[in-house]
Amino acid sequence: MSELKPVRWGILACGNIANAFAKVVNEADNSVLHAVASRDVEKAQAFAQKHGASRAYGSYEAMLADSEVEAVYIATLHPFHMEWIKHCVYAGKHVLCEKPLTMNLREAKQAQKAALDKRRLLREAFMYRHHPQTQKVVDLVESGAIGKVRLIEANFCFNGGEQPEGRHQAKELGGGSILDLGCYTMSFARLIAGRAQDRLFAEPLELKAVGHLDPQTKTDMWTMATLRFEGDILAKLTCAMRVNAGRNAVIYGEKGRIEVDQAWFCDGEVRVYKDERKEPDVHQPNQDTSLYRYEVDAFAAELRGQPIGAKAVGMRFDDTLGNLKALDWWRAEIGLGYEADTVR
């Protein structure tokens, strides 16, 4: 049983992703769900009752005024992340913010400065990056199981249908596939390309992309990017919101390949092919606990003075900055811009 003081969490916004997060907070090591906040007080009260939170607030500002809230999980739509990161750190709260941390690299640097100025911990919530399945894939790459890495493929696609006013499509709500889904594929490619060369992550040297922008909303509904990393490691990334094209990843090496069935939700198989004439080595993911549990535990441990391990795959802030820089590049390639890209 850990002796660390439990982190008292507040959840800012009570949507679907907040529900997934809230389910595991009280189950996690060194965490307790203390408060939740919504613009609709009845929604906040129902959410608090469902998940056992001690307090429910009908405004975000009211929850941030609660001195017993130590850390805040921001679950708003991503165009509003930057605003509430600043409000949280100025209120003295540590922050775990849902991905993408901000709309672009410029905003992320501003968020980083605010957190550093106030000496608050700020991290991006990429749940798959803390999961044992992702660590296993990295361990296989680093062990040389498939030899030198040559190619990386990563896909995150679904078909949500036509929703011009919904969050997946409306520009003012941050609609589009690159920021919502492509951030996963980019982080995976950068992670693998880096670990293949004994680095924590790598940055692309070249990036070319094409994509389809919805005629009405001008947001990307499907797009592909090809990248080159140092060592001539190449990557192909696909993300889509109106195409059923998989949620998998494949890493090709000089001696074999690694197939990851469910790269982002970590509930499929990881298969290692070293000889096409033989059956692959199969690794099953750890399903003993929720996908979101690992990021909660990692944040709480870091907040209590236990930094992320030297070889661990969890998100570091310089990794977040590199990912947003690459996503900015991808968006520029296909002509996708948002209001946040206008320098103020």
Protein backbone atom coordinates (compact mmCIF):
# COMPACT_ATOMS: atom_id res chain seq x y z
CA MET A 1 0.00 0.00 0.00
CA SER A 2 1.50 3.33 -1.06
CA GLU A 3 2.17 5.92 1.64
CA LEU A 4 2.01 8.89 -0.72
CA LYS A 5 -0.61 11.51 0.07
CA PRO A 6 -3.56 11.12 -2.34
CA VAL A 7 -3.92 13.76 -5.02
CA ARG A 8 -7.29 15.49 -4.76
CA TRP A 9 -8.63 15.83 -8.29
CA GLY A 10 -11.11 18.18 -9.87
CA ILE A 11 -12.56 17.47 -13.32
CA LEU A 12 -13.26 20.46 -15.51
CA ALA A 13 -16.11 19.67 -17.98
CA CYS A 14 -18.31 16.59 -17.74
CA GLY A 15 -18.43 15.07 -21.22
CA ASN A 16 -17.71 11.54 -22.45
CA ILE A 17 -13.96 11.62 -21.97
CA ALA A 18 -14.42 12.99 -18.46
CA ASN A 19 -16.64 10.01 -17.65
CA ALA A 20 -13.92 7.60 -18.75
CA PHE A 21 -11.37 9.44 -16.64
CA ALA A 22 -13.59 9.75 -13.57
CA LYS A 23 -14.29 6.01 -13.47
CA VAL A 24 -10.69 5.23 -12.58
CA VAL A 25 -9.64 8.12 -10.34
CA ASN A 26 -10.86 6.56 -7.11
CA GLU A 27 -9.47 3.19 -8.16
CA ALA A 28 -6.04 4.63 -8.90
CA ASP A 29 -3.12 4.72 -6.52
CA ASN A 30 -2.74 7.98 -4.62
CA SER A 31 -5.78 9.74 -6.13
CA VAL A 32 -9.28 10.71 -5.08
CA LEU A 33 -12.02 12.48 -7.03
CA HIS A 34 -12.90 15.53 -4.96
CA ALA A 35 -14.84 17.85 -7.27
CA VAL A 36 -16.37 18.19 -10.73
CA ALA A 37 -17.50 21.25 -12.64
CA SER A 38 -19.86 21.89 -15.53
CA ARG A 39 -21.56 24.96 -16.96
CA ASP A 40 -24.77 23.12 -16.07
CA VAL A 41 -24.98 22.58 -12.31
CA GLU A 42 -27.50 19.74 -12.63
CA LYS A 43 -25.16 17.95 -15.00
CA ALA A 44 -22.31 18.44 -12.54
CA GLN A 45 -24.42 17.10 -9.67
CA ALA A 46 -25.43 14.01 -11.64
CA PHE A 47 -21.82 13.43 -12.67
CA ALA A 48 -20.60 13.80 -9.08
CA GLN A 49 -23.20 11.37 -7.79
CA LYS A 50 -22.35 8.84 -10.48
CA HIS A 51 -18.63 8.92 -9.76
CA GLY A 52 -18.57 9.63 -6.05
CA ALA A 53 -17.16 13.17 -6.14
CA SER A 54 -17.53 15.12 -2.90
CA ARG A 55 -18.47 18.40 -4.57
CA ALA A 56 -20.20 19.58 -7.75
CA TYR A 57 -19.92 23.07 -9.19
CA GLY A 58 -22.01 24.89 -11.78
CA SER A 59 -19.03 26.87 -13.07
CA TYR A 60 -15.38 26.12 -13.72
CA GLU A 61 -14.35 29.23 -11.83
CA ALA A 62 -16.12 28.04 -8.67
CA MET A 63 -14.25 24.74 -8.69
CA LEU A 64 -10.92 26.50 -9.20
CA ALA A 65 -11.67 28.57 -6.09
CA ASP A 66 -11.91 25.35 -4.05
CA SER A 67 -8.66 25.23 -2.07
CA GLU A 68 -8.95 21.46 -1.61
CA VAL A 69 -8.63 20.78 -5.34
CA GLU A 70 -4.97 20.09 -5.98
CA ALA A 71 -4.94 18.88 -9.60
CA VAL A 72 -7.37 19.46 -12.44
CA TYR A 73 -8.11 17.22 -15.39
CA ILE A 74 -9.22 19.42 -18.30
CA ALA A 75 -11.78 17.66 -20.48
CA THR A 76 -13.10 20.53 -22.57
CA LEU A 77 -12.94 20.59 -26.37
CA HIS A 78 -9.40 21.36 -27.44
CA PRO A 79 -9.94 24.97 -28.64
CA PHE A 80 -10.57 25.83 -24.98
CA HIS A 81 -7.60 23.98 -23.48
CA MET A 82 -5.24 26.95 -23.54
CA GLU A 83 -7.66 29.26 -21.75
CA TRP A 84 -8.36 26.81 -18.95
CA ILE A 85 -4.78 25.67 -18.52
CA LYS A 86 -3.95 29.28 -17.71
CA HIS A 87 -6.92 29.68 -15.37
CA CYS A 88 -5.97 26.48 -13.55
CA VAL A 89 -2.29 27.25 -13.02
CA TYR A 90 -3.07 30.84 -12.02
CA ALA A 91 -5.44 29.36 -9.42
CA GLY A 92 -2.57 27.25 -8.11
CA LYS A 93 -3.69 23.93 -9.59
CA HIS A 94 -1.58 21.29 -11.28
CA VAL A 95 -2.97 20.26 -14.66
CA LEU A 96 -3.44 17.11 -16.68
CA CYS A 97 -5.01 18.27 -19.95
CA GLU A 98 -6.62 16.05 -22.54
CA LYS A 99 -4.83 15.76 -25.90
CA PRO A 100 -3.98 17.71 -27.89
CA LEU A 101 -2.62 19.93 -25.15
CA THR A 102 -3.34 23.03 -27.22
CA MET A 103 -4.27 23.89 -30.79
CA ASN A 104 -0.69 24.51 -31.91
CA LEU A 105 2.93 24.78 -30.79
CA ARG A 106 2.73 28.51 -30.07
CA GLU A 107 -0.08 28.00 -27.56
CA ALA A 108 1.74 25.06 -25.96
CA LYS A 109 4.80 27.20 -25.32
CA GLN A 110 2.58 29.83 -23.70
CA ALA A 111 0.96 27.16 -21.53
CA GLN A 112 4.38 25.84 -20.55
CA LYS A 113 5.56 29.32 -19.53
CA ALA A 114 2.45 29.89 -17.40
CA ALA A 115 2.93 26.56 -15.62
CA LEU A 116 6.63 27.18 -15.02
CA ASP A 117 5.98 30.71 -13.75
CA LYS A 118 3.47 29.35 -11.23
CA ARG A 119 5.54 26.22 -10.50
CA ARG A 120 2.69 23.92 -11.43
CA LEU A 121 2.96 20.53 -13.09
CA LEU A 122 1.43 20.49 -16.59
CA ARG A 123 1.12 17.31 -18.63
CA GLU A 124 -0.77 16.14 -21.71
CA ALA A 125 -3.15 13.20 -21.26
CA PHE A 126 -2.22 10.58 -23.86
CA MET A 127 -3.64 7.47 -22.24
CA TYR A 128 -2.11 4.90 -24.61
CA ARG A 129 1.38 6.29 -23.98
CA HIS A 130 1.27 5.11 -20.35
CA HIS A 131 -0.10 1.65 -21.06
CA PRO A 132 2.01 -1.53 -20.63
CA GLN A 133 1.17 -2.52 -24.22
CA THR A 134 2.96 0.55 -25.58
CA GLN A 135 5.89 -0.13 -23.26
CA LYS A 136 6.02 -3.71 -24.56
CA VAL A 137 6.14 -2.54 -28.18
CA VAL A 138 8.98 -0.17 -27.36
CA ASP A 139 10.84 -2.89 -25.46
CA LEU A 140 10.59 -5.16 -28.51
CA VAL A 141 11.96 -2.44 -30.78
CA GLU A 142 14.82 -1.64 -28.42
CA SER A 143 15.71 -5.32 -27.99
CA GLY A 144 16.29 -5.67 -31.72
CA ALA A 145 13.51 -8.23 -32.09
CA ILE A 146 12.93 -7.17 -35.71
CA GLY A 147 16.34 -5.66 -36.40
CA LYS A 148 16.76 -2.07 -37.50
CA VAL A 149 13.46 -0.25 -37.97
CA ARG A 150 12.80 0.78 -41.58
CA LEU A 151 9.09 1.65 -41.88
CA ILE A 152 6.29 2.66 -39.50
CA GLU A 153 2.59 2.65 -40.32
CA ALA A 154 -0.02 4.06 -37.95
CA ASN A 155 -3.76 4.44 -38.54
CA PHE A 156 -6.55 5.95 -36.50
CA CYS A 157 -9.81 6.12 -38.42
CA PHE A 158 -13.55 5.85 -37.93
CA ASN A 159 -16.67 6.88 -39.77
CA GLY A 160 -18.71 9.32 -37.71
CA GLY A 161 -20.95 10.36 -40.58
CA GLU A 162 -21.95 13.86 -41.60
CA GLN A 163 -22.04 16.16 -38.54
CA PRO A 164 -21.24 19.70 -39.72
CA GLU A 165 -22.22 21.24 -36.39
CA GLY A 166 -20.69 18.54 -34.20
CA ARG A 167 -17.31 18.61 -32.50
CA HIS A 168 -15.73 16.23 -35.02
CA GLN A 169 -16.42 18.55 -37.92
CA ALA A 170 -17.13 22.14 -36.85
CA LYS A 171 -14.03 24.31 -37.08
CA GLU A 172 -14.95 26.48 -34.09
CA LEU A 173 -15.09 23.30 -31.98
CA GLY A 174 -11.69 22.11 -33.18
CA GLY A 175 -13.16 19.67 -35.69
CA GLY A 176 -10.96 17.62 -37.99
CA SER A 177 -8.98 14.42 -37.82
CA ILE A 178 -5.36 15.59 -37.45
CA LEU A 179 -5.73 17.21 -34.03
CA ASP A 180 -8.14 14.61 -32.68
CA LEU A 181 -6.70 11.41 -34.17
CA GLY A 182 -3.52 12.24 -36.04
CA CYS A 183 -1.93 13.32 -32.77
CA TYR A 184 -1.89 9.63 -31.78
CA THR A 185 -0.33 8.41 -34.99
CA MET A 186 2.28 11.18 -34.95
CA SER A 187 3.24 10.52 -31.34
CA PHE A 188 3.60 6.81 -32.11
CA ALA A 189 5.82 7.37 -35.15
CA ARG A 190 8.02 9.83 -33.25
CA LEU A 191 8.23 7.45 -30.29
CA ILE A 192 9.24 4.41 -32.36
CA ALA A 193 11.63 6.31 -34.63
CA GLY A 194 13.33 7.68 -31.54
CA ARG A 195 13.55 4.44 -29.57
CA ALA A 196 14.90 2.68 -32.66
CA GLN A 197 17.91 5.01 -32.36
CA ASP A 198 18.30 4.98 -28.58
CA ARG A 199 16.44 8.26 -28.09
CA LEU A 200 13.24 9.00 -26.22
CA PHE A 201 11.58 10.26 -29.42
CA ALA A 202 12.53 11.67 -32.82
CA GLU A 203 11.49 14.63 -34.93
CA PRO A 204 10.68 14.32 -38.65
CA LEU A 205 13.20 15.70 -41.12
CA GLU A 206 10.67 15.69 -43.97
CA LEU A 207 6.88 15.61 -44.06
CA LYS A 208 4.55 15.49 -47.04
CA ALA A 209 0.78 15.21 -46.75
CA VAL A 210 -2.49 15.27 -48.65
CA GLY A 211 -6.00 15.41 -47.29
CA HIS A 212 -9.67 16.06 -47.91
CA LEU A 213 -11.17 19.20 -46.36
CA ASP A 214 -14.93 19.19 -45.94
CA PRO A 215 -16.37 21.72 -48.43
CA GLN A 216 -18.66 23.23 -45.80
CA THR A 217 -16.58 23.29 -42.62
CA LYS A 218 -13.07 23.32 -44.15
CA THR A 219 -11.86 20.75 -41.62
CA ASP A 220 -9.97 17.58 -42.55
CA MET A 221 -12.12 14.48 -42.77
CA TRP A 222 -9.37 12.17 -44.03
CA THR A 223 -5.67 12.71 -44.57
CA MET A 224 -2.35 10.90 -44.95
CA ALA A 225 1.19 12.02 -44.16
CA THR A 226 4.54 10.48 -45.05
CA LEU A 227 7.57 11.31 -42.95
CA ARG A 228 11.31 10.70 -42.96
CA PHE A 229 13.29 10.53 -39.74
CA GLU A 230 17.01 10.36 -39.16
CA GLY A 231 18.40 6.98 -40.21
CA ASP A 232 16.02 7.00 -43.18
CA ILE A 233 13.21 5.61 -41.08
CA LEU A 234 10.02 6.30 -43.00
CA ALA A 235 6.49 6.57 -41.64
CA LYS A 236 3.00 6.63 -43.15
CA LEU A 237 0.27 8.10 -40.98
CA THR A 238 -3.46 7.97 -41.74
CA CYS A 239 -6.33 9.52 -39.82
CA ALA A 240 -9.96 9.93 -40.78
CA MET A 241 -13.37 10.75 -39.36
CA ARG A 242 -15.45 9.49 -42.25
CA VAL A 243 -13.53 6.36 -43.25
CA ASN A 244 -13.41 2.96 -41.53
CA ALA A 245 -9.72 2.22 -42.07
CA GLY A 246 -8.41 0.73 -38.85
CA ARG A 247 -6.82 1.72 -35.56
CA ASN A 248 -3.64 -0.30 -35.85
CA ALA A 249 0.09 0.16 -36.23
CA VAL A 250 2.81 -1.87 -37.92
CA ILE A 251 6.56 -1.53 -37.45
CA TYR A 252 8.73 -3.05 -40.20
CA GLY A 253 12.33 -3.95 -39.48
CA GLU A 254 15.13 -5.53 -41.48
CA LYS A 255 14.42 -8.91 -39.84
CA GLY A 256 10.66 -8.89 -39.26
CA ARG A 257 7.70 -6.79 -38.21
CA ILE A 258 5.55 -5.95 -35.21
CA GLU A 259 1.77 -5.70 -35.66
CA VAL A 260 -0.30 -3.86 -33.06
CA ASP A 261 -4.02 -4.54 -33.51
CA GLN A 262 -5.36 -1.81 -31.24
CA ALA A 263 -2.57 0.69 -30.87
CA TRP A 264 -4.63 3.36 -29.11
CA PHE A 265 -7.09 1.43 -26.93
CA CYS A 266 -4.59 -1.31 -26.10
CA ASP A 267 -7.05 -4.22 -26.12
CA GLY A 268 -5.84 -6.32 -29.05
CA GLU A 269 -2.82 -8.46 -29.81
CA VAL A 270 0.80 -7.52 -30.43
CA ARG A 271 2.33 -9.96 -32.91
CA VAL A 272 6.02 -10.26 -33.71
CA TYR A 273 6.89 -11.89 -37.04
CA LYS A 274 10.54 -12.96 -37.34
CA ASP A 275 10.02 -15.69 -39.94
CA GLU A 276 7.06 -15.76 -42.35
CA ARG A 277 7.17 -19.57 -42.31
CA LYS A 278 6.47 -19.69 -38.58
CA GLU A 279 3.68 -18.53 -36.33
CA PRO A 280 4.29 -15.11 -34.74
CA ASP A 281 5.12 -14.51 -31.13
CA VAL A 282 1.90 -13.15 -29.62
CA HIS A 283 1.69 -10.77 -26.68
CA GLN A 284 -1.61 -10.01 -24.99
CA PRO A 285 -2.15 -6.58 -23.44
CA ASN A 286 -2.58 -6.12 -19.72
CA GLN A 287 -6.32 -5.75 -19.19
CA ASP A 288 -6.32 -5.93 -15.40
CA THR A 289 -7.26 -2.29 -15.12
CA SER A 290 -8.70 0.58 -17.14
CA LEU A 291 -6.81 2.17 -20.02
CA TYR A 292 -6.98 5.54 -18.23
CA ARG A 293 -5.68 4.25 -14.89
CA TYR A 294 -2.06 4.36 -15.96
CA GLU A 295 -1.98 8.07 -16.82
CA VAL A 296 -3.68 8.95 -13.53
CA ASP A 297 -1.10 6.96 -11.56
CA ALA A 298 1.80 8.41 -13.56
CA PHE A 299 0.67 12.00 -13.02
CA ALA A 300 0.08 11.47 -9.29
CA ALA A 301 3.48 9.84 -8.88
CA GLU A 302 5.23 12.68 -10.71
CA LEU A 303 3.37 15.25 -8.67
CA ARG A 304 4.54 13.49 -5.50
CA GLY A 305 8.18 13.66 -6.57
CA GLN A 306 8.58 10.42 -8.51
CA PRO A 307 9.64 11.49 -12.03
CA ILE A 308 8.86 9.35 -15.03
CA GLY A 309 11.35 6.51 -15.50
CA ALA A 310 14.33 7.01 -17.80
CA LYS A 311 13.04 4.47 -20.33
CA ALA A 312 9.30 4.82 -19.68
CA VAL A 313 7.02 5.70 -22.60
CA GLY A 314 4.78 8.22 -20.85
CA MET A 315 4.48 11.79 -22.15
CA ARG A 316 7.14 14.33 -21.24
CA PHE A 317 6.58 17.99 -22.01
CA ASP A 318 9.31 18.26 -24.63
CA ASP A 319 7.61 15.33 -26.37
CA THR A 320 4.33 17.27 -26.33
CA LEU A 321 6.04 20.28 -27.91
CA GLY A 322 7.61 18.14 -30.63
CA ASN A 323 4.30 16.47 -31.41
CA LEU A 324 2.48 19.78 -31.80
CA LYS A 325 5.26 21.13 -34.00
CA ALA A 326 4.87 18.13 -36.30
CA LEU A 327 1.07 18.46 -36.29
CA ASP A 328 1.40 22.13 -37.24
CA TRP A 329 3.53 20.99 -40.19
CA TRP A 330 1.00 18.36 -41.22
CA ARG A 331 -1.86 20.86 -41.10
CA ALA A 332 0.10 23.40 -43.12
CA GLU A 333 0.71 20.78 -45.82
CA ILE A 334 -3.03 20.35 -46.41
CA GLY A 335 -4.06 23.96 -45.80
CA LEU A 336 -5.87 23.39 -42.50
CA GLY A 337 -5.94 26.38 -40.17
CA TYR A 338 -7.85 27.46 -37.09
CA GLU A 339 -8.55 30.76 -35.38
CA ALA A 340 -5.89 29.89 -32.81
CA ASP A 341 -3.26 29.98 -35.55
CA THR A 342 -3.77 33.74 -35.95
CA VAL A 343 -1.03 35.41 -33.95
CA ARG A 344 -2.49 37.74 -31.34
